[in-house]
Amino acid sequence: MARAHALHILVKTEAEAAELKKQLAAGKKFGDLARKHSLCPSGKKGGDLGEFRRGQMVPAFDKVVFGKPTLEVHGPVKTKFGWHLIKVLSRG
């Protein structure tokens, strides 16, 4: 079964996610922004979700994690929890 290791930042609005993505593009560290802004408990760990299998996350999240290139920031991605920026560290 496919597995992945990803980081994410969860915020309430698409605009907030877009602004954070701009900050990442300007050189801010993903972990620092996750600790400061993410609404998910994983924010305390720099947004680190650890390793998980396909199907453990909501479909929109899974689609990005298992279908987009690794080591790039993807999003904003909308789920029932809010808006995510997702960075896939590894997949296998």
PDB file of N, CA and C in Angstrom:
ATOM      1  N   MET A   1       0.845  -1.197   0.000  1.00  0.00           N
ATOM      2  CA  MET A   1       0.000   0.000   0.000  1.00  0.00           C
ATOM      3  C   MET A   1       0.880   1.246   0.000  1.00  0.00           C
ATOM      4  N   ALA A   2       0.495   2.236  -0.773  1.00  0.00           N
ATOM      5  CA  ALA A   2       1.276   3.466  -0.889  1.00  0.00           C
ATOM      6  C   ALA A   2       1.327   4.210   0.437  1.00  0.00           C
ATOM      7  N   ARG A   3       2.515   4.728   0.742  1.00  0.00           N
ATOM      8  CA  ARG A   3       2.726   5.508   1.960  1.00  0.00           C
ATOM      9  C   ARG A   3       3.359   6.841   1.585  1.00  0.00           C
ATOM     10  N   ALA A   4       3.148   7.834   2.445  1.00  0.00           N
ATOM     11  CA  ALA A   4       3.759   9.146   2.217  1.00  0.00           C
ATOM     12  C   ALA A   4       4.083   9.789   3.557  1.00  0.00           C
ATOM     13  N   HIS A   5       4.992  10.744   3.514  1.00  0.00           N
ATOM     14  CA  HIS A   5       5.345  11.567   4.670  1.00  0.00           C
ATOM     15  C   HIS A   5       5.159  13.009   4.225  1.00  0.00           C
ATOM     16  N   ALA A   6       4.321  13.753   4.937  1.00  0.00           N
ATOM     17  CA  ALA A   6       3.997  15.111   4.496  1.00  0.00           C
ATOM     18  C   ALA A   6       3.928  16.091   5.658  1.00  0.00           C
ATOM     19  N   LEU A   7       4.095  17.353   5.297  1.00  0.00           N
ATOM     20  CA  LEU A   7       3.883  18.478   6.201  1.00  0.00           C
ATOM     21  C   LEU A   7       2.675  19.242   5.679  1.00  0.00           C
ATOM     22  N   HIS A   8       1.965  19.926   6.595  1.00  0.00           N
ATOM     23  CA  HIS A   8       0.900  20.804   6.106  1.00  0.00           C
ATOM     24  C   HIS A   8       0.682  21.958   7.067  1.00  0.00           C
ATOM     25  N   ILE A   9       0.051  22.977   6.530  1.00  0.00           N
ATOM     26  CA  ILE A   9      -0.398  24.126   7.313  1.00  0.00           C
ATOM     27  C   ILE A   9      -1.896  24.237   7.059  1.00  0.00           C
ATOM     28  N   LEU A  10      -2.680  24.276   8.120  1.00  0.00           N
ATOM     29  CA  LEU A  10      -4.139  24.376   8.023  1.00  0.00           C
ATOM     30  C   LEU A  10      -4.580  25.747   8.529  1.00  0.00           C
ATOM     31  N   VAL A  11      -5.321  26.471   7.680  1.00  0.00           N
ATOM     32  CA  VAL A  11      -5.855  27.784   8.060  1.00  0.00           C
ATOM     33  C   VAL A  11      -7.331  27.862   7.667  1.00  0.00           C
ATOM     34  N   LYS A  12      -8.001  28.932   8.116  1.00  0.00           N
ATOM     35  CA  LYS A  12      -9.447  29.049   7.884  1.00  0.00           C
ATOM     36  C   LYS A  12      -9.825  29.529   6.496  1.00  0.00           C
ATOM     37  N   THR A  13      -8.982  30.381   5.875  1.00  0.00           N
ATOM     38  CA  THR A  13      -9.396  30.987   4.608  1.00  0.00           C
ATOM     39  C   THR A  13      -8.396  30.712   3.488  1.00  0.00           C
ATOM     40  N   GLU A  14      -8.907  30.738   2.273  1.00  0.00           N
ATOM     41  CA  GLU A  14      -8.061  30.572   1.093  1.00  0.00           C
ATOM     42  C   GLU A  14      -7.063  31.726   0.998  1.00  0.00           C
ATOM     43  N   ALA A  15      -7.522  32.936   1.349  1.00  0.00           N
ATOM     44  CA  ALA A  15      -6.645  34.110   1.283  1.00  0.00           C
ATOM     45  C   ALA A  15      -5.462  33.965   2.236  1.00  0.00           C
ATOM     46  N   GLU A  16      -5.720  33.459   3.424  1.00  0.00           N
ATOM     47  CA  GLU A  16      -4.641  33.252   4.401  1.00  0.00           C
ATOM     48  C   GLU A  16      -3.646  32.212   3.880  1.00  0.00           C
ATOM     49  N   ALA A  17      -4.157  31.131   3.290  1.00  0.00           N
ATOM     50  CA  ALA A  17      -3.281  30.102   2.731  1.00  0.00           C
ATOM     51  C   ALA A  17      -2.447  30.681   1.589  1.00  0.00           C
ATOM     52  N   ALA A  18      -3.056  31.487   0.741  1.00  0.00           N
ATOM     53  CA  ALA A  18      -2.337  32.091  -0.390  1.00  0.00           C
ATOM     54  C   ALA A  18      -1.238  33.023   0.114  1.00  0.00           C
ATOM     55  N   GLU A  19      -1.518  33.786   1.161  1.00  0.00           N
ATOM     56  CA  GLU A  19      -0.517  34.696   1.728  1.00  0.00           C
ATOM     57  C   GLU A  19       0.659  33.896   2.309  1.00  0.00           C
ATOM     58  N   LEU A  20       0.373  32.811   2.997  1.00  0.00           N
ATOM     59  CA  LEU A  20       1.440  31.975   3.553  1.00  0.00           C
ATOM     60  C   LEU A  20       2.271  31.343   2.436  1.00  0.00           C
ATOM     61  N   LYS A  21       1.617  30.973   1.339  1.00  0.00           N
ATOM     62  CA  LYS A  21       2.350  30.389   0.211  1.00  0.00           C
ATOM     63  C   LYS A  21       3.314  31.419  -0.374  1.00  0.00           C
ATOM     64  N   LYS A  22       2.890  32.680  -0.424  1.00  0.00           N
ATOM     65  CA  LYS A  22       3.779  33.749  -0.893  1.00  0.00           C
ATOM     66  C   LYS A  22       4.989  33.877   0.030  1.00  0.00           C
ATOM     67  N   GLN A  23       4.744  33.794   1.341  1.00  0.00           N
ATOM     68  CA  GLN A  23       5.840  33.895   2.303  1.00  0.00           C
ATOM     69  C   GLN A  23       6.825  32.733   2.139  1.00  0.00           C
ATOM     70  N   LEU A  24       6.299  31.546   1.864  1.00  0.00           N
ATOM     71  CA  LEU A  24       7.164  30.382   1.623  1.00  0.00           C
ATOM     72  C   LEU A  24       8.011  30.608   0.370  1.00  0.00           C
ATOM     73  N   ALA A  25       7.396  31.136  -0.680  1.00  0.00           N
ATOM     74  CA  ALA A  25       8.111  31.402  -1.928  1.00  0.00           C
ATOM     75  C   ALA A  25       9.213  32.444  -1.720  1.00  0.00           C
ATOM     76  N   ALA A  26       9.009  33.319  -0.733  1.00  0.00           N
ATOM     77  CA  ALA A  26       9.989  34.367  -0.435  1.00  0.00           C
ATOM     78  C   ALA A  26      11.097  33.873   0.497  1.00  0.00           C
ATOM     79  N   GLY A  27      11.026  32.594   0.886  1.00  0.00           N
ATOM     80  CA  GLY A  27      12.108  32.025   1.673  1.00  0.00           C
ATOM     81  C   GLY A  27      11.804  31.701   3.123  1.00  0.00           C
ATOM     82  N   LYS A  28      10.587  31.965   3.583  1.00  0.00           N
ATOM     83  CA  LYS A  28      10.240  31.594   4.967  1.00  0.00           C
ATOM     84  C   LYS A  28      10.250  30.079   5.093  1.00  0.00           C
ATOM     85  N   LYS A  29      10.517  29.595   6.301  1.00  0.00           N
ATOM     86  CA  LYS A  29      10.579  28.150   6.547  1.00  0.00           C
ATOM     87  C   LYS A  29       9.182  27.589   6.813  1.00  0.00           C
ATOM     88  N   PHE A  30       8.881  26.452   6.168  1.00  0.00           N
ATOM     89  CA  PHE A  30       7.568  25.815   6.289  1.00  0.00           C
ATOM     90  C   PHE A  30       7.242  25.558   7.763  1.00  0.00           C
ATOM     91  N   GLY A  31       8.187  24.957   8.471  1.00  0.00           N
ATOM     92  CA  GLY A  31       7.960  24.609   9.881  1.00  0.00           C
ATOM     93  C   GLY A  31       7.658  25.811  10.748  1.00  0.00           C
ATOM     94  N   ASP A  32       8.361  26.916  10.505  1.00  0.00           N
ATOM     95  CA  ASP A  32       8.134  28.129  11.295  1.00  0.00           C
ATOM     96  C   ASP A  32       6.723  28.666  11.064  1.00  0.00           C
ATOM     97  N   LEU A  33       6.293  28.702   9.800  1.00  0.00           N
ATOM     98  CA  LEU A  33       4.945  29.200   9.488  1.00  0.00           C
ATOM     99  C   LEU A  33       3.879  28.255  10.037  1.00  0.00           C
ATOM    100  N   ALA A  34       4.139  26.948   9.977  1.00  0.00           N
ATOM    101  CA  ALA A  34       3.173  25.982  10.526  1.00  0.00           C
ATOM    102  C   ALA A  34       3.014  26.176  12.025  1.00  0.00           C
ATOM    103  N   ARG A  35       4.129  26.332  12.743  1.00  0.00           N
ATOM    104  CA  ARG A  35       4.055  26.524  14.201  1.00  0.00           C
ATOM    105  C   ARG A  35       3.282  27.796  14.556  1.00  0.00           C
ATOM    106  N   LYS A  36       3.427  28.821  13.750  1.00  0.00           N
ATOM    107  CA  LYS A  36       2.794  30.109  14.046  1.00  0.00           C
ATOM    108  C   LYS A  36       1.332  30.183  13.606  1.00  0.00           C
ATOM    109  N   HIS A  37       0.984  29.556  12.472  1.00  0.00           N
ATOM    110  CA  HIS A  37      -0.330  29.785  11.870  1.00  0.00           C
ATOM    111  C   HIS A  37      -1.266  28.573  11.805  1.00  0.00           C
ATOM    112  N   SER A  38      -0.739  27.354  11.820  1.00  0.00           N
ATOM    113  CA  SER A  38      -1.591  26.187  11.570  1.00  0.00           C
ATOM    114  C   SER A  38      -2.580  25.947  12.700  1.00  0.00           C
ATOM    115  N   LEU A  39      -3.810  25.624  12.322  1.00  0.00           N
ATOM    116  CA  LEU A  39      -4.865  25.308  13.281  1.00  0.00           C
ATOM    117  C   LEU A  39      -4.835  23.833  13.684  1.00  0.00           C
ATOM    118  N   CYS A  40      -4.061  23.039  12.979  1.00  0.00           N
ATOM    119  CA  CYS A  40      -3.963  21.605  13.262  1.00  0.00           C
ATOM    120  C   CYS A  40      -2.972  21.384  14.403  1.00  0.00           C
ATOM    121  N   PRO A  41      -3.241  20.395  15.267  1.00  0.00           N
ATOM    122  CA  PRO A  41      -2.278  20.080  16.329  1.00  0.00           C
ATOM    123  C   PRO A  41      -0.874  19.774  15.791  1.00  0.00           C
ATOM    124  N   SER A  42      -0.778  19.318  14.536  1.00  0.00           N
ATOM    125  CA  SER A  42       0.534  19.038  13.946  1.00  0.00           C
ATOM    126  C   SER A  42       1.366  20.303  13.786  1.00  0.00           C
ATOM    127  N   GLY A  43       0.740  21.463  13.870  1.00  0.00           N
ATOM    128  CA  GLY A  43       1.463  22.726  13.761  1.00  0.00           C
ATOM    129  C   GLY A  43       2.570  22.838  14.795  1.00  0.00           C
ATOM    130  N   LYS A  44       2.334  22.274  15.986  1.00  0.00           N
ATOM    131  CA  LYS A  44       3.341  22.306  17.046  1.00  0.00           C
ATOM    132  C   LYS A  44       4.621  21.574  16.631  1.00  0.00           C
ATOM    133  N   LYS A  45       4.472  20.638  15.689  1.00  0.00           N
ATOM    134  CA  LYS A  45       5.623  19.876  15.188  1.00  0.00           C
ATOM    135  C   LYS A  45       6.054  20.396  13.814  1.00  0.00           C
ATOM    136  N   GLY A  46       5.781  21.649  13.538  1.00  0.00           N
ATOM    137  CA  GLY A  46       6.150  22.229  12.244  1.00  0.00           C
ATOM    138  C   GLY A  46       5.296  21.743  11.099  1.00  0.00           C
ATOM    139  N   GLY A  47       4.095  21.248  11.425  1.00  0.00           N
ATOM    140  CA  GLY A  47       3.178  20.758  10.403  1.00  0.00           C
ATOM    141  C   GLY A  47       3.399  19.312  10.016  1.00  0.00           C
ATOM    142  N   ASP A  48       4.303  18.629  10.718  1.00  0.00           N
ATOM    143  CA  ASP A  48       4.672  17.251  10.363  1.00  0.00           C
ATOM    144  C   ASP A  48       3.558  16.270  10.711  1.00  0.00           C
ATOM    145  N   LEU A  49       3.022  15.620   9.677  1.00  0.00           N
ATOM    146  CA  LEU A  49       1.973  14.619   9.868  1.00  0.00           C
ATOM    147  C   LEU A  49       2.553  13.211  10.011  1.00  0.00           C
ATOM    148  N   GLY A  50       3.862  13.094   9.848  1.00  0.00           N
ATOM    149  CA  GLY A  50       4.479  11.771   9.895  1.00  0.00           C
ATOM    150  C   GLY A  50       4.130  10.989   8.644  1.00  0.00           C
ATOM    151  N   GLU A  51       4.284   9.680   8.750  1.00  0.00           N
ATOM    152  CA  GLU A  51       4.004   8.812   7.605  1.00  0.00           C
ATOM    153  C   GLU A  51       2.579   8.268   7.707  1.00  0.00           C
ATOM    154  N   PHE A  52       1.901   8.180   6.580  1.00  0.00           N
ATOM    155  CA  PHE A  52       0.532   7.652   6.556  1.00  0.00           C
ATOM    156  C   PHE A  52       0.287   6.958   5.229  1.00  0.00           C
ATOM    157  N   ARG A  53      -0.770   6.148   5.189  1.00  0.00           N
ATOM    158  CA  ARG A  53      -1.123   5.397   3.986  1.00  0.00           C
ATOM    159  C   ARG A  53      -2.214   6.113   3.202  1.00  0.00           C
ATOM    160  N   ARG A  54      -2.280   5.788   1.911  1.00  0.00           N
ATOM    161  CA  ARG A  54      -3.362   6.290   1.065  1.00  0.00           C
ATOM    162  C   ARG A  54      -4.694   5.886   1.706  1.00  0.00           C
ATOM    163  N   GLY A  55      -5.622   6.822   1.762  1.00  0.00           N
ATOM    164  CA  GLY A  55      -6.936   6.543   2.331  1.00  0.00           C
ATOM    165  C   GLY A  55      -7.081   6.959   3.789  1.00  0.00           C
ATOM    166  N   GLN A  56      -5.980   7.295   4.454  1.00  0.00           N
ATOM    167  CA  GLN A  56      -6.068   7.715   5.856  1.00  0.00           C
ATOM    168  C   GLN A  56      -6.473   9.178   5.992  1.00  0.00           C
ATOM    169  N   MET A  57      -6.253   9.956   4.938  1.00  0.00           N
ATOM    170  CA  MET A  57      -6.608  11.378   4.946  1.00  0.00           C
ATOM    171  C   MET A  57      -7.854  11.579   4.079  1.00  0.00           C
ATOM    172  N   VAL A  58      -8.456  12.756   4.184  1.00  0.00           N
ATOM    173  CA  VAL A  58      -9.637  13.038   3.361  1.00  0.00           C
ATOM    174  C   VAL A  58      -9.236  13.027   1.884  1.00  0.00           C
ATOM    175  N   PRO A  59     -10.183  12.713   0.963  1.00  0.00           N
ATOM    176  CA  PRO A  59      -9.854  12.529  -0.455  1.00  0.00           C
ATOM    177  C   PRO A  59      -9.089  13.674  -1.110  1.00  0.00           C
ATOM    178  N   ALA A  60      -9.472  14.930  -0.866  1.00  0.00           N
ATOM    179  CA  ALA A  60      -8.788  16.059  -1.514  1.00  0.00           C
ATOM    180  C   ALA A  60      -7.322  16.131  -1.075  1.00  0.00           C
ATOM    181  N   PHE A  61      -7.069  15.797   0.170  1.00  0.00           N
ATOM    182  CA  PHE A  61      -5.703  15.804   0.712  1.00  0.00           C
ATOM    183  C   PHE A  61      -4.904  14.659   0.095  1.00  0.00           C
ATOM    184  N   ASP A  62      -5.506  13.476   0.091  1.00  0.00           N
ATOM    185  CA  ASP A  62      -4.862  12.287  -0.495  1.00  0.00           C
ATOM    186  C   ASP A  62      -4.478  12.516  -1.956  1.00  0.00           C
ATOM    187  N   LYS A  63      -5.366  13.166  -2.698  1.00  0.00           N
ATOM    188  CA  LYS A  63      -5.143  13.391  -4.128  1.00  0.00           C
ATOM    189  C   LYS A  63      -3.855  14.186  -4.344  1.00  0.00           C
ATOM    190  N   VAL A  64      -3.619  15.194  -3.521  1.00  0.00           N
ATOM    191  CA  VAL A  64      -2.403  15.997  -3.627  1.00  0.00           C
ATOM    192  C   VAL A  64      -1.195  15.185  -3.176  1.00  0.00           C
ATOM    193  N   VAL A  65      -1.309  14.567  -2.011  1.00  0.00           N
ATOM    194  CA  VAL A  65      -0.167  13.846  -1.434  1.00  0.00           C
ATOM    195  C   VAL A  65       0.309  12.710  -2.338  1.00  0.00           C
ATOM    196  N   PHE A  66      -0.621  11.992  -2.936  1.00  0.00           N
ATOM    197  CA  PHE A  66      -0.244  10.824  -3.735  1.00  0.00           C
ATOM    198  C   PHE A  66      -0.204  11.106  -5.244  1.00  0.00           C
ATOM    199  N   GLY A  67      -0.512  12.346  -5.649  1.00  0.00           N
ATOM    200  CA  GLY A  67      -0.533  12.631  -7.076  1.00  0.00           C
ATOM    201  C   GLY A  67       0.339  13.779  -7.552  1.00  0.00           C
ATOM    202  N   LYS A  68       0.833  14.603  -6.643  1.00  0.00           N
ATOM    203  CA  LYS A  68       1.626  15.774  -7.021  1.00  0.00           C
ATOM    204  C   LYS A  68       3.098  15.537  -6.709  1.00  0.00           C
ATOM    205  N   PRO A  69       3.993  16.322  -7.326  1.00  0.00           N
ATOM    206  CA  PRO A  69       5.428  16.148  -7.084  1.00  0.00           C
ATOM    207  C   PRO A  69       5.816  16.356  -5.613  1.00  0.00           C
ATOM    208  N   THR A  70       6.843  15.636  -5.184  1.00  0.00           N
ATOM    209  CA  THR A  70       7.349  15.790  -3.821  1.00  0.00           C
ATOM    210  C   THR A  70       8.221  17.040  -3.719  1.00  0.00           C
ATOM    211  N   LEU A  71       8.400  17.483  -2.488  1.00  0.00           N
ATOM    212  CA  LEU A  71       9.282  18.607  -2.130  1.00  0.00           C
ATOM    213  C   LEU A  71       8.872  19.953  -2.729  1.00  0.00           C
ATOM    214  N   GLU A  72       7.607  20.062  -3.122  1.00  0.00           N
ATOM    215  CA  GLU A  72       7.038  21.340  -3.568  1.00  0.00           C
ATOM    216  C   GLU A  72       5.852  21.650  -2.662  1.00  0.00           C
ATOM    217  N   VAL A  73       5.524  22.934  -2.515  1.00  0.00           N
ATOM    218  CA  VAL A  73       4.363  23.325  -1.717  1.00  0.00           C
ATOM    219  C   VAL A  73       3.153  23.383  -2.631  1.00  0.00           C
ATOM    220  N   HIS A  74       2.118  22.623  -2.282  1.00  0.00           N
ATOM    221  CA  HIS A  74       0.892  22.564  -3.076  1.00  0.00           C
ATOM    222  C   HIS A  74      -0.253  23.212  -2.293  1.00  0.00           C
ATOM    223  N   GLY A  75      -1.148  23.830  -3.022  1.00  0.00           N
ATOM    224  CA  GLY A  75      -2.309  24.424  -2.395  1.00  0.00           C
ATOM    225  C   GLY A  75      -2.437  25.885  -2.789  1.00  0.00           C
ATOM    226  N   PRO A  76      -3.422  26.545  -2.251  1.00  0.00           N
ATOM    227  CA  PRO A  76      -4.346  26.088  -1.220  1.00  0.00           C
ATOM    228  C   PRO A  76      -5.260  24.943  -1.679  1.00  0.00           C
ATOM    229  N   VAL A  77      -5.473  24.000  -0.783  1.00  0.00           N
ATOM    230  CA  VAL A  77      -6.333  22.838  -1.011  1.00  0.00           C
ATOM    231  C   VAL A  77      -7.451  22.885   0.025  1.00  0.00           C
ATOM    232  N   LYS A  78      -8.710  22.866  -0.445  1.00  0.00           N
ATOM    233  CA  LYS A  78      -9.851  22.941   0.477  1.00  0.00           C
ATOM    234  C   LYS A  78     -10.299  21.553   0.907  1.00  0.00           C
ATOM    235  N   THR A  79     -10.510  21.400   2.216  1.00  0.00           N
ATOM    236  CA  THR A  79     -11.145  20.199   2.766  1.00  0.00           C
ATOM    237  C   THR A  79     -12.200  20.669   3.769  1.00  0.00           C
ATOM    238  N   LYS A  80     -12.885  19.723   4.387  1.00  0.00           N
ATOM    239  CA  LYS A  80     -13.893  20.087   5.381  1.00  0.00           C
ATOM    240  C   LYS A  80     -13.264  20.754   6.613  1.00  0.00           C
ATOM    241  N   PHE A  81     -11.947  20.635   6.762  1.00  0.00           N
ATOM    242  CA  PHE A  81     -11.261  21.215   7.920  1.00  0.00           C
ATOM    243  C   PHE A  81     -10.832  22.662   7.692  1.00  0.00           C
ATOM    244  N   GLY A  82     -10.718  23.066   6.430  1.00  0.00           N
ATOM    245  CA  GLY A  82     -10.264  24.405   6.089  1.00  0.00           C
ATOM    246  C   GLY A  82      -9.392  24.357   4.850  1.00  0.00           C
ATOM    247  N   TRP A  83      -8.397  25.227   4.798  1.00  0.00           N
ATOM    248  CA  TRP A  83      -7.506  25.343   3.643  1.00  0.00           C
ATOM    249  C   TRP A  83      -6.105  24.894   4.035  1.00  0.00           C
ATOM    250  N   HIS A  84      -5.508  24.073   3.193  1.00  0.00           N
ATOM    251  CA  HIS A  84      -4.195  23.498   3.485  1.00  0.00           C
ATOM    252  C   HIS A  84      -3.146  23.940   2.474  1.00  0.00           C
ATOM    253  N   LEU A  85      -1.917  24.070   2.968  1.00  0.00           N
ATOM    254  CA  LEU A  85      -0.722  24.063   2.132  1.00  0.00           C
ATOM    255  C   LEU A  85      -0.047  22.738   2.477  1.00  0.00           C
ATOM    256  N   ILE A  86       0.346  21.998   1.459  1.00  0.00           N
ATOM    257  CA  ILE A  86       0.875  20.647   1.672  1.00  0.00           C
ATOM    258  C   ILE A  86       2.243  20.516   1.010  1.00  0.00           C
ATOM    259  N   LYS A  87       3.179  19.949   1.759  1.00  0.00           N
ATOM    260  CA  LYS A  87       4.504  19.649   1.209  1.00  0.00           C
ATOM    261  C   LYS A  87       4.786  18.174   1.462  1.00  0.00           C
ATOM    262  N   VAL A  88       4.895  17.409   0.396  1.00  0.00           N
ATOM    263  CA  VAL A  88       5.168  15.968   0.489  1.00  0.00           C
ATOM    264  C   VAL A  88       6.682  15.777   0.571  1.00  0.00           C
ATOM    265  N   LEU A  89       7.143  15.170   1.656  1.00  0.00           N
ATOM    266  CA  LEU A  89       8.575  14.941   1.835  1.00  0.00           C
ATOM    267  C   LEU A  89       9.034  13.677   1.123  1.00  0.00           C
ATOM    268  N   SER A  90       8.207  12.633   1.204  1.00  0.00           N
ATOM    269  CA  SER A  90       8.564  11.379   0.532  1.00  0.00           C
ATOM    270  C   SER A  90       7.318  10.564   0.273  1.00  0.00           C
ATOM    271  N   ARG A  91       7.459   9.640  -0.668  1.00  0.00           N
ATOM    272  CA  ARG A  91       6.328   8.773  -1.031  1.00  0.00           C
ATOM    273  C   ARG A  91       6.922   7.448  -1.481  1.00  0.00           C
ATOM    274  N   GLY A  92       6.264   6.372  -1.118  1.00  0.00           N
ATOM    275  CA  GLY A  92       6.773   5.075  -1.546  1.00  0.00           C
ATOM    276  C   GLY A  92       5.836   3.953  -1.247  1.00  0.00           C
TER     277      GLY A  92
END
